[in-house]
Amino acid sequence: MKNLKPDTFYKVEIRAHNAIGFSEPTGIIVKTAKGSFGSNNWPIWIWALIFIAIAVTVVALIAVRFYCQKKHKGSRCCSSEEDEHIFHT
């Protein structure tokens, strides 16, 4: 079953079929969980936000790495007390 909505009732009917024909339908009523949705049903804007957040994080990490390499000529990366002002200003 695809494209189910959260917090929604659904009536599911099942019928068997063979060489003789169809059976009488049998069914149940189910309710989906509140606020749940499968990962395949996420709107595209959610995927875009996830991608943007990851991209910003990666760019920030690369920028800090280049800054530290330039400042310390590659010997270490922003681990001493003298570099704390970078993150606390």
PDB file of N, CA and C in Angstrom:
ATOM      1  N   MET A   1       0.851  -1.169   0.000  1.00  0.00           N
ATOM      2  CA  MET A   1       0.000   0.000   0.000  1.00  0.00           C
ATOM      3  C   MET A   1       0.894   1.228   0.000  1.00  0.00           C
ATOM      4  N   LYS A   2       0.574   2.168  -0.843  1.00  0.00           N
ATOM      5  CA  LYS A   2       1.389   3.368  -0.986  1.00  0.00           C
ATOM      6  C   LYS A   2       0.538   4.607  -0.772  1.00  0.00           C
ATOM      7  N   ASN A   3       1.231   5.724  -0.504  1.00  0.00           N
ATOM      8  CA  ASN A   3       0.628   7.049  -0.404  1.00  0.00           C
ATOM      9  C   ASN A   3      -0.440   7.144   0.675  1.00  0.00           C
ATOM     10  N   LEU A   4      -0.237   6.441   1.793  1.00  0.00           N
ATOM     11  CA  LEU A   4      -1.168   6.553   2.912  1.00  0.00           C
ATOM     12  C   LEU A   4      -0.900   7.839   3.671  1.00  0.00           C
ATOM     13  N   LYS A   5      -1.952   8.420   4.210  1.00  0.00           N
ATOM     14  CA  LYS A   5      -1.827   9.659   4.977  1.00  0.00           C
ATOM     15  C   LYS A   5      -1.791   9.334   6.458  1.00  0.00           C
ATOM     16  N   PRO A   6      -1.065  10.141   7.239  1.00  0.00           N
ATOM     17  CA  PRO A   6      -1.020   9.892   8.687  1.00  0.00           C
ATOM     18  C   PRO A   6      -2.369  10.173   9.346  1.00  0.00           C
ATOM     19  N   ASP A   7      -2.620   9.476  10.466  1.00  0.00           N
ATOM     20  CA  ASP A   7      -3.817   9.685  11.290  1.00  0.00           C
ATOM     21  C   ASP A   7      -5.106   9.582  10.457  1.00  0.00           C
ATOM     22  N   THR A   8      -5.182   8.562   9.624  1.00  0.00           N
ATOM     23  CA  THR A   8      -6.315   8.391   8.705  1.00  0.00           C
ATOM     24  C   THR A   8      -6.809   6.945   8.772  1.00  0.00           C
ATOM     25  N   PHE A   9      -8.141   6.799   8.743  1.00  0.00           N
ATOM     26  CA  PHE A   9      -8.739   5.470   8.723  1.00  0.00           C
ATOM     27  C   PHE A   9      -8.825   4.964   7.286  1.00  0.00           C
ATOM     28  N   TYR A  10      -8.565   3.686   7.111  1.00  0.00           N
ATOM     29  CA  TYR A  10      -8.691   3.041   5.799  1.00  0.00           C
ATOM     30  C   TYR A  10      -9.451   1.729   5.968  1.00  0.00           C
ATOM     31  N   LYS A  11     -10.320   1.461   5.027  1.00  0.00           N
ATOM     32  CA  LYS A  11     -11.016   0.179   4.988  1.00  0.00           C
ATOM     33  C   LYS A  11     -10.319  -0.674   3.942  1.00  0.00           C
ATOM     34  N   VAL A  12      -9.819  -1.823   4.365  1.00  0.00           N
ATOM     35  CA  VAL A  12      -9.088  -2.717   3.475  1.00  0.00           C
ATOM     36  C   VAL A  12      -9.965  -3.939   3.217  1.00  0.00           C
ATOM     37  N   GLU A  13     -10.265  -4.190   1.967  1.00  0.00           N
ATOM     38  CA  GLU A  13     -11.058  -5.362   1.595  1.00  0.00           C
ATOM     39  C   GLU A  13     -10.196  -6.317   0.791  1.00  0.00           C
ATOM     40  N   ILE A  14     -10.387  -7.604   1.067  1.00  0.00           N
ATOM     41  CA  ILE A  14      -9.618  -8.635   0.374  1.00  0.00           C
ATOM     42  C   ILE A  14     -10.591  -9.644  -0.218  1.00  0.00           C
ATOM     43  N   ARG A  15     -10.334 -10.017  -1.468  1.00  0.00           N
ATOM     44  CA  ARG A  15     -11.113 -11.062  -2.127  1.00  0.00           C
ATOM     45  C   ARG A  15     -10.149 -12.028  -2.786  1.00  0.00           C
ATOM     46  N   ALA A  16     -10.444 -13.295  -2.647  1.00  0.00           N
ATOM     47  CA  ALA A  16      -9.627 -14.307  -3.316  1.00  0.00           C
ATOM     48  C   ALA A  16     -10.220 -14.602  -4.682  1.00  0.00           C
ATOM     49  N   HIS A  17      -9.385 -15.069  -5.595  1.00  0.00           N
ATOM     50  CA  HIS A  17      -9.846 -15.420  -6.931  1.00  0.00           C
ATOM     51  C   HIS A  17      -9.116 -16.673  -7.392  1.00  0.00           C
ATOM     52  N   ASN A  18      -9.902 -17.614  -7.913  1.00  0.00           N
ATOM     53  CA  ASN A  18      -9.311 -18.816  -8.493  1.00  0.00           C
ATOM     54  C   ASN A  18     -10.153 -19.228  -9.696  1.00  0.00           C
ATOM     55  N   ALA A  19      -9.996 -20.458 -10.156  1.00  0.00           N
ATOM     56  CA  ALA A  19     -10.722 -20.929 -11.341  1.00  0.00           C
ATOM     57  C   ALA A  19     -12.231 -20.915 -11.145  1.00  0.00           C
ATOM     58  N   ILE A  20     -12.686 -21.048  -9.930  1.00  0.00           N
ATOM     59  CA  ILE A  20     -14.130 -21.066  -9.647  1.00  0.00           C
ATOM     60  C   ILE A  20     -14.714 -19.660  -9.678  1.00  0.00           C
ATOM     61  N   GLY A  21     -13.920 -18.680  -9.308  1.00  0.00           N
ATOM     62  CA  GLY A  21     -14.406 -17.295  -9.286  1.00  0.00           C
ATOM     63  C   GLY A  21     -13.881 -16.546  -8.078  1.00  0.00           C
ATOM     64  N   PHE A  22     -14.591 -15.496  -7.728  1.00  0.00           N
ATOM     65  CA  PHE A  22     -14.202 -14.648  -6.601  1.00  0.00           C
ATOM     66  C   PHE A  22     -14.878 -15.103  -5.320  1.00  0.00           C
ATOM     67  N   SER A  23     -14.181 -14.913  -4.197  1.00  0.00           N
ATOM     68  CA  SER A  23     -14.773 -15.189  -2.891  1.00  0.00           C
ATOM     69  C   SER A  23     -15.567 -13.979  -2.443  1.00  0.00           C
ATOM     70  N   GLU A  24     -16.277 -14.139  -1.348  1.00  0.00           N
ATOM     71  CA  GLU A  24     -16.935 -13.002  -0.729  1.00  0.00           C
ATOM     72  C   GLU A  24     -15.846 -12.098  -0.144  1.00  0.00           C
ATOM     73  N   PRO A  25     -16.012 -10.789  -0.188  1.00  0.00           N
ATOM     74  CA  PRO A  25     -14.977  -9.904   0.370  1.00  0.00           C
ATOM     75  C   PRO A  25     -14.952  -9.986   1.891  1.00  0.00           C
ATOM     76  N   THR A  26     -13.789  -9.870   2.426  1.00  0.00           N
ATOM     77  CA  THR A  26     -13.607  -9.732   3.864  1.00  0.00           C
ATOM     78  C   THR A  26     -12.750  -8.493   4.065  1.00  0.00           C
ATOM     79  N   GLY A  27     -12.921  -7.822   5.160  1.00  0.00           N
ATOM     80  CA  GLY A  27     -12.176  -6.582   5.324  1.00  0.00           C
ATOM     81  C   GLY A  27     -11.955  -6.188   6.762  1.00  0.00           C
ATOM     82  N   ILE A  28     -11.091  -5.240   6.929  1.00  0.00           N
ATOM     83  CA  ILE A  28     -10.800  -4.660   8.234  1.00  0.00           C
ATOM     84  C   ILE A  28     -10.678  -3.154   8.067  1.00  0.00           C
ATOM     85  N   ILE A  29     -10.823  -2.467   9.174  1.00  0.00           N
ATOM     86  CA  ILE A  29     -10.595  -1.020   9.184  1.00  0.00           C
ATOM     87  C   ILE A  29      -9.346  -0.777  10.015  1.00  0.00           C
ATOM     88  N   VAL A  30      -8.390  -0.025   9.436  1.00  0.00           N
ATOM     89  CA  VAL A  30      -7.137   0.283  10.116  1.00  0.00           C
ATOM     90  C   VAL A  30      -6.931   1.792  10.124  1.00  0.00           C
ATOM     91  N   LYS A  31      -6.126   2.239  11.068  1.00  0.00           N
ATOM     92  CA  LYS A  31      -5.801   3.661  11.142  1.00  0.00           C
ATOM     93  C   LYS A  31      -4.285   3.798  11.147  1.00  0.00           C
ATOM     94  N   THR A  32      -3.778   4.686  10.326  1.00  0.00           N
ATOM     95  CA  THR A  32      -2.337   4.925  10.288  1.00  0.00           C
ATOM     96  C   THR A  32      -1.920   5.748  11.510  1.00  0.00           C
ATOM     97  N   ALA A  33      -0.648   5.663  11.859  1.00  0.00           N
ATOM     98  CA  ALA A  33      -0.121   6.372  13.026  1.00  0.00           C
ATOM     99  C   ALA A  33      -0.145   7.877  12.799  1.00  0.00           C
ATOM    100  N   LYS A  34      -0.207   8.623  13.887  1.00  0.00           N
ATOM    101  CA  LYS A  34      -0.190  10.092  13.787  1.00  0.00           C
ATOM    102  C   LYS A  34       1.181  10.569  13.334  1.00  0.00           C
ATOM    103  N   GLY A  35       1.195  11.447  12.367  1.00  0.00           N
ATOM    104  CA  GLY A  35       2.428  12.080  11.932  1.00  0.00           C
ATOM    105  C   GLY A  35       3.441  11.165  11.289  1.00  0.00           C
ATOM    106  N   SER A  36       3.062   9.969  10.941  1.00  0.00           N
ATOM    107  CA  SER A  36       4.042   9.075  10.331  1.00  0.00           C
ATOM    108  C   SER A  36       3.900   9.113   8.826  1.00  0.00           C
ATOM    109  N   PHE A  37       5.015   8.984   8.172  1.00  0.00           N
ATOM    110  CA  PHE A  37       5.000   8.846   6.726  1.00  0.00           C
ATOM    111  C   PHE A  37       6.288   8.172   6.317  1.00  0.00           C
ATOM    112  N   GLY A  38       6.217   7.402   5.274  1.00  0.00           N
ATOM    113  CA  GLY A  38       7.395   6.690   4.801  1.00  0.00           C
ATOM    114  C   GLY A  38       8.382   7.628   4.148  1.00  0.00           C
ATOM    115  N   SER A  39       9.637   7.230   4.132  1.00  0.00           N
ATOM    116  CA  SER A  39      10.677   8.081   3.561  1.00  0.00           C
ATOM    117  C   SER A  39      10.444   8.345   2.076  1.00  0.00           C
ATOM    118  N   ASN A  40       9.761   7.444   1.391  1.00  0.00           N
ATOM    119  CA  ASN A  40       9.490   7.653  -0.031  1.00  0.00           C
ATOM    120  C   ASN A  40       8.400   8.681  -0.262  1.00  0.00           C
ATOM    121  N   ASN A  41       7.667   9.031   0.799  1.00  0.00           N
ATOM    122  CA  ASN A  41       6.565   9.980   0.649  1.00  0.00           C
ATOM    123  C   ASN A  41       6.928  11.384   1.117  1.00  0.00           C
ATOM    124  N   TRP A  42       8.173  11.609   1.512  1.00  0.00           N
ATOM    125  CA  TRP A  42       8.562  12.933   1.972  1.00  0.00           C
ATOM    126  C   TRP A  42       8.463  13.914   0.812  1.00  0.00           C
ATOM    127  N   PRO A  43       7.937  15.098   1.068  1.00  0.00           N
ATOM    128  CA  PRO A  43       7.895  16.115   0.013  1.00  0.00           C
ATOM    129  C   PRO A  43       9.307  16.516  -0.414  1.00  0.00           C
ATOM    130  N   ILE A  44       9.424  16.978  -1.612  1.00  0.00           N
ATOM    131  CA  ILE A  44      10.738  17.327  -2.169  1.00  0.00           C
ATOM    132  C   ILE A  44      11.408  18.431  -1.370  1.00  0.00           C
ATOM    133  N   TRP A  45      10.636  19.339  -0.761  1.00  0.00           N
ATOM    134  CA  TRP A  45      11.244  20.430  -0.002  1.00  0.00           C
ATOM    135  C   TRP A  45      11.959  19.919   1.241  1.00  0.00           C
ATOM    136  N   ILE A  46      11.496  18.806   1.819  1.00  0.00           N
ATOM    137  CA  ILE A  46      12.198  18.235   2.968  1.00  0.00           C
ATOM    138  C   ILE A  46      13.554  17.698   2.525  1.00  0.00           C
ATOM    139  N   TRP A  47      13.575  16.987   1.394  1.00  0.00           N
ATOM    140  CA  TRP A  47      14.850  16.484   0.861  1.00  0.00           C
ATOM    141  C   TRP A  47      15.780  17.644   0.540  1.00  0.00           C
ATOM    142  N   ALA A  48      15.226  18.737   0.004  1.00  0.00           N
ATOM    143  CA  ALA A  48      16.056  19.909  -0.316  1.00  0.00           C
ATOM    144  C   ALA A  48      16.659  20.508   0.950  1.00  0.00           C
ATOM    145  N   LEU A  49      15.871  20.620   2.029  1.00  0.00           N
ATOM    146  CA  LEU A  49      16.401  21.149   3.288  1.00  0.00           C
ATOM    147  C   LEU A  49      17.493  20.254   3.862  1.00  0.00           C
ATOM    148  N   ILE A  50      17.297  18.952   3.782  1.00  0.00           N
ATOM    149  CA  ILE A  50      18.313  18.019   4.264  1.00  0.00           C
ATOM    150  C   ILE A  50      19.599  18.188   3.468  1.00  0.00           C
ATOM    151  N   PHE A  51      19.480  18.261   2.148  1.00  0.00           N
ATOM    152  CA  PHE A  51      20.652  18.439   1.292  1.00  0.00           C
ATOM    153  C   PHE A  51      21.368  19.752   1.601  1.00  0.00           C
ATOM    154  N   ILE A  52      20.607  20.836   1.755  1.00  0.00           N
ATOM    155  CA  ILE A  52      21.207  22.149   2.038  1.00  0.00           C
ATOM    156  C   ILE A  52      21.933  22.118   3.379  1.00  0.00           C
ATOM    157  N   ALA A  53      21.331  21.508   4.395  1.00  0.00           N
ATOM    158  CA  ALA A  53      21.973  21.432   5.713  1.00  0.00           C
ATOM    159  C   ALA A  53      23.286  20.661   5.641  1.00  0.00           C
ATOM    160  N   ILE A  54      23.285  19.560   4.924  1.00  0.00           N
ATOM    161  CA  ILE A  54      24.510  18.765   4.776  1.00  0.00           C
ATOM    162  C   ILE A  54      25.566  19.559   4.010  1.00  0.00           C
ATOM    163  N   ALA A  55      25.156  20.216   2.934  1.00  0.00           N
ATOM    164  CA  ALA A  55      26.099  20.987   2.124  1.00  0.00           C
ATOM    165  C   ALA A  55      26.716  22.135   2.923  1.00  0.00           C
ATOM    166  N   VAL A  56      25.914  22.854   3.704  1.00  0.00           N
ATOM    167  CA  VAL A  56      26.424  23.958   4.516  1.00  0.00           C
ATOM    168  C   VAL A  56      27.412  23.440   5.556  1.00  0.00           C
ATOM    169  N   THR A  57      27.108  22.312   6.176  1.00  0.00           N
ATOM    170  CA  THR A  57      27.999  21.721   7.166  1.00  0.00           C
ATOM    171  C   THR A  57      29.340  21.333   6.542  1.00  0.00           C
ATOM    172  N   VAL A  58      29.291  20.700   5.386  1.00  0.00           N
ATOM    173  CA  VAL A  58      30.525  20.286   4.709  1.00  0.00           C
ATOM    174  C   VAL A  58      31.360  21.502   4.326  1.00  0.00           C
ATOM    175  N   VAL A  59      30.730  22.523   3.765  1.00  0.00           N
ATOM    176  CA  VAL A  59      31.458  23.735   3.372  1.00  0.00           C
ATOM    177  C   VAL A  59      32.075  24.402   4.596  1.00  0.00           C
ATOM    178  N   ALA A  60      31.343  24.456   5.705  1.00  0.00           N
ATOM    179  CA  ALA A  60      31.879  25.067   6.923  1.00  0.00           C
ATOM    180  C   ALA A  60      33.080  24.283   7.445  1.00  0.00           C
ATOM    181  N   LEU A  61      32.990  22.971   7.438  1.00  0.00           N
ATOM    182  CA  LEU A  61      34.121  22.151   7.892  1.00  0.00           C
ATOM    183  C   LEU A  61      35.345  22.332   7.000  1.00  0.00           C
ATOM    184  N   ILE A  62      35.126  22.403   5.705  1.00  0.00           N
ATOM    185  CA  ILE A  62      36.239  22.626   4.774  1.00  0.00           C
ATOM    186  C   ILE A  62      36.857  24.004   5.001  1.00  0.00           C
ATOM    187  N   ALA A  63      36.022  25.025   5.219  1.00  0.00           N
ATOM    188  CA  ALA A  63      36.531  26.379   5.449  1.00  0.00           C
ATOM    189  C   ALA A  63      37.369  26.437   6.725  1.00  0.00           C
ATOM    190  N   VAL A  64      36.898  25.806   7.790  1.00  0.00           N
ATOM    191  CA  VAL A  64      37.662  25.784   9.040  1.00  0.00           C
ATOM    192  C   VAL A  64      38.983  25.045   8.845  1.00  0.00           C
ATOM    193  N   ARG A  65      38.939  23.967   8.126  1.00  0.00           N
ATOM    194  CA  ARG A  65      40.163  23.185   7.867  1.00  0.00           C
ATOM    195  C   ARG A  65      41.187  24.030   7.094  1.00  0.00           C
ATOM    196  N   PHE A  66      40.745  24.731   6.046  1.00  0.00           N
ATOM    197  CA  PHE A  66      41.662  25.574   5.277  1.00  0.00           C
ATOM    198  C   PHE A  66      42.201  26.720   6.119  1.00  0.00           C
ATOM    199  N   TYR A  67      41.336  27.316   6.945  1.00  0.00           N
ATOM    200  CA  TYR A  67      41.779  28.403   7.816  1.00  0.00           C
ATOM    201  C   TYR A  67      42.878  27.904   8.750  1.00  0.00           C
ATOM    202  N   CYS A  68      42.645  26.760   9.371  1.00  0.00           N
ATOM    203  CA  CYS A  68      43.617  26.216  10.321  1.00  0.00           C
ATOM    204  C   CYS A  68      44.922  25.839   9.625  1.00  0.00           C
ATOM    205  N   GLN A  69      44.822  25.254   8.458  1.00  0.00           N
ATOM    206  CA  GLN A  69      46.037  24.884   7.731  1.00  0.00           C
ATOM    207  C   GLN A  69      46.833  26.126   7.348  1.00  0.00           C
ATOM    208  N   LYS A  70      46.152  27.182   6.933  1.00  0.00           N
ATOM    209  CA  LYS A  70      46.844  28.406   6.539  1.00  0.00           C
ATOM    210  C   LYS A  70      47.483  29.082   7.754  1.00  0.00           C
ATOM    211  N   LYS A  71      46.732  29.140   8.862  1.00  0.00           N
ATOM    212  CA  LYS A  71      47.232  29.816  10.050  1.00  0.00           C
ATOM    213  C   LYS A  71      48.407  29.052  10.667  1.00  0.00           C
ATOM    214  N   HIS A  72      48.344  27.737  10.681  1.00  0.00           N
ATOM    215  CA  HIS A  72      49.357  26.931  11.348  1.00  0.00           C
ATOM    216  C   HIS A  72      50.255  26.190  10.364  1.00  0.00           C
ATOM    217  N   LYS A  73      50.155  26.532   9.122  1.00  0.00           N
ATOM    218  CA  LYS A  73      50.968  25.930   8.068  1.00  0.00           C
ATOM    219  C   LYS A  73      50.872  24.403   8.067  1.00  0.00           C
ATOM    220  N   GLY A  74      49.666  23.893   8.336  1.00  0.00           N
ATOM    221  CA  GLY A  74      49.398  22.464   8.237  1.00  0.00           C
ATOM    222  C   GLY A  74      49.848  21.627   9.406  1.00  0.00           C
ATOM    223  N   SER A  75      50.434  22.242  10.462  1.00  0.00           N
ATOM    224  CA  SER A  75      50.966  21.435  11.554  1.00  0.00           C
ATOM    225  C   SER A  75      49.899  20.909  12.505  1.00  0.00           C
ATOM    226  N   ARG A  76      48.842  21.681  12.714  1.00  0.00           N
ATOM    227  CA  ARG A  76      47.755  21.246  13.589  1.00  0.00           C
ATOM    228  C   ARG A  76      46.486  21.986  13.194  1.00  0.00           C
ATOM    229  N   CYS A  77      45.384  21.622  13.799  1.00  0.00           N
ATOM    230  CA  CYS A  77      44.132  22.265  13.386  1.00  0.00           C
ATOM    231  C   CYS A  77      43.329  22.737  14.583  1.00  0.00           C
ATOM    232  N   CYS A  78      43.458  24.012  14.909  1.00  0.00           N
ATOM    233  CA  CYS A  78      42.599  24.715  15.869  1.00  0.00           C
ATOM    234  C   CYS A  78      42.328  23.942  17.135  1.00  0.00           C
ATOM    235  N   SER A  79      43.357  23.454  17.788  1.00  0.00           N
ATOM    236  CA  SER A  79      43.125  22.689  19.007  1.00  0.00           C
ATOM    237  C   SER A  79      43.670  23.381  20.247  1.00  0.00           C
ATOM    238  N   SER A  80      44.413  24.452  20.092  1.00  0.00           N
ATOM    239  CA  SER A  80      45.013  25.110  21.249  1.00  0.00           C
ATOM    240  C   SER A  80      44.097  26.207  21.780  1.00  0.00           C
ATOM    241  N   GLU A  81      44.420  26.670  22.995  1.00  0.00           N
ATOM    242  CA  GLU A  81      43.619  27.719  23.622  1.00  0.00           C
ATOM    243  C   GLU A  81      43.693  29.014  22.835  1.00  0.00           C
ATOM    244  N   GLU A  82      44.794  29.267  22.166  1.00  0.00           N
ATOM    245  CA  GLU A  82      44.928  30.510  21.399  1.00  0.00           C
ATOM    246  C   GLU A  82      43.929  30.582  20.245  1.00  0.00           C
ATOM    247  N   ASP A  83      43.405  29.440  19.806  1.00  0.00           N
ATOM    248  CA  ASP A  83      42.440  29.435  18.708  1.00  0.00           C
ATOM    249  C   ASP A  83      40.993  29.482  19.173  1.00  0.00           C
ATOM    250  N   GLU A  84      40.756  29.439  20.495  1.00  0.00           N
ATOM    251  CA  GLU A  84      39.387  29.425  20.990  1.00  0.00           C
ATOM    252  C   GLU A  84      38.626  30.684  20.616  1.00  0.00           C
ATOM    253  N   HIS A  85      39.311  31.816  20.456  1.00  0.00           N
ATOM    254  CA  HIS A  85      38.633  33.071  20.132  1.00  0.00           C
ATOM    255  C   HIS A  85      37.882  32.963  18.784  1.00  0.00           C
ATOM    256  N   ILE A  86      38.277  32.057  17.922  1.00  0.00           N
ATOM    257  CA  ILE A  86      37.600  31.867  16.632  1.00  0.00           C
ATOM    258  C   ILE A  86      36.148  31.456  16.856  1.00  0.00           C
ATOM    259  N   PHE A  87      35.946  30.592  17.829  1.00  0.00           N
ATOM    260  CA  PHE A  87      34.623  30.020  18.051  1.00  0.00           C
ATOM    261  C   PHE A  87      33.815  30.734  19.104  1.00  0.00           C
ATOM    262  N   HIS A  88      34.432  31.693  19.841  1.00  0.00           N
ATOM    263  CA  HIS A  88      33.732  32.378  20.910  1.00  0.00           C
ATOM    264  C   HIS A  88      33.555  33.864  20.628  1.00  0.00           C
ATOM    265  N   THR A  89      33.773  34.298  19.435  1.00  0.00           N
ATOM    266  CA  THR A  89      33.592  35.722  19.123  1.00  0.00           C
ATOM    267  C   THR A  89      32.368  35.932  18.294  1.00  0.00           C
TER     268      THR A  89
END
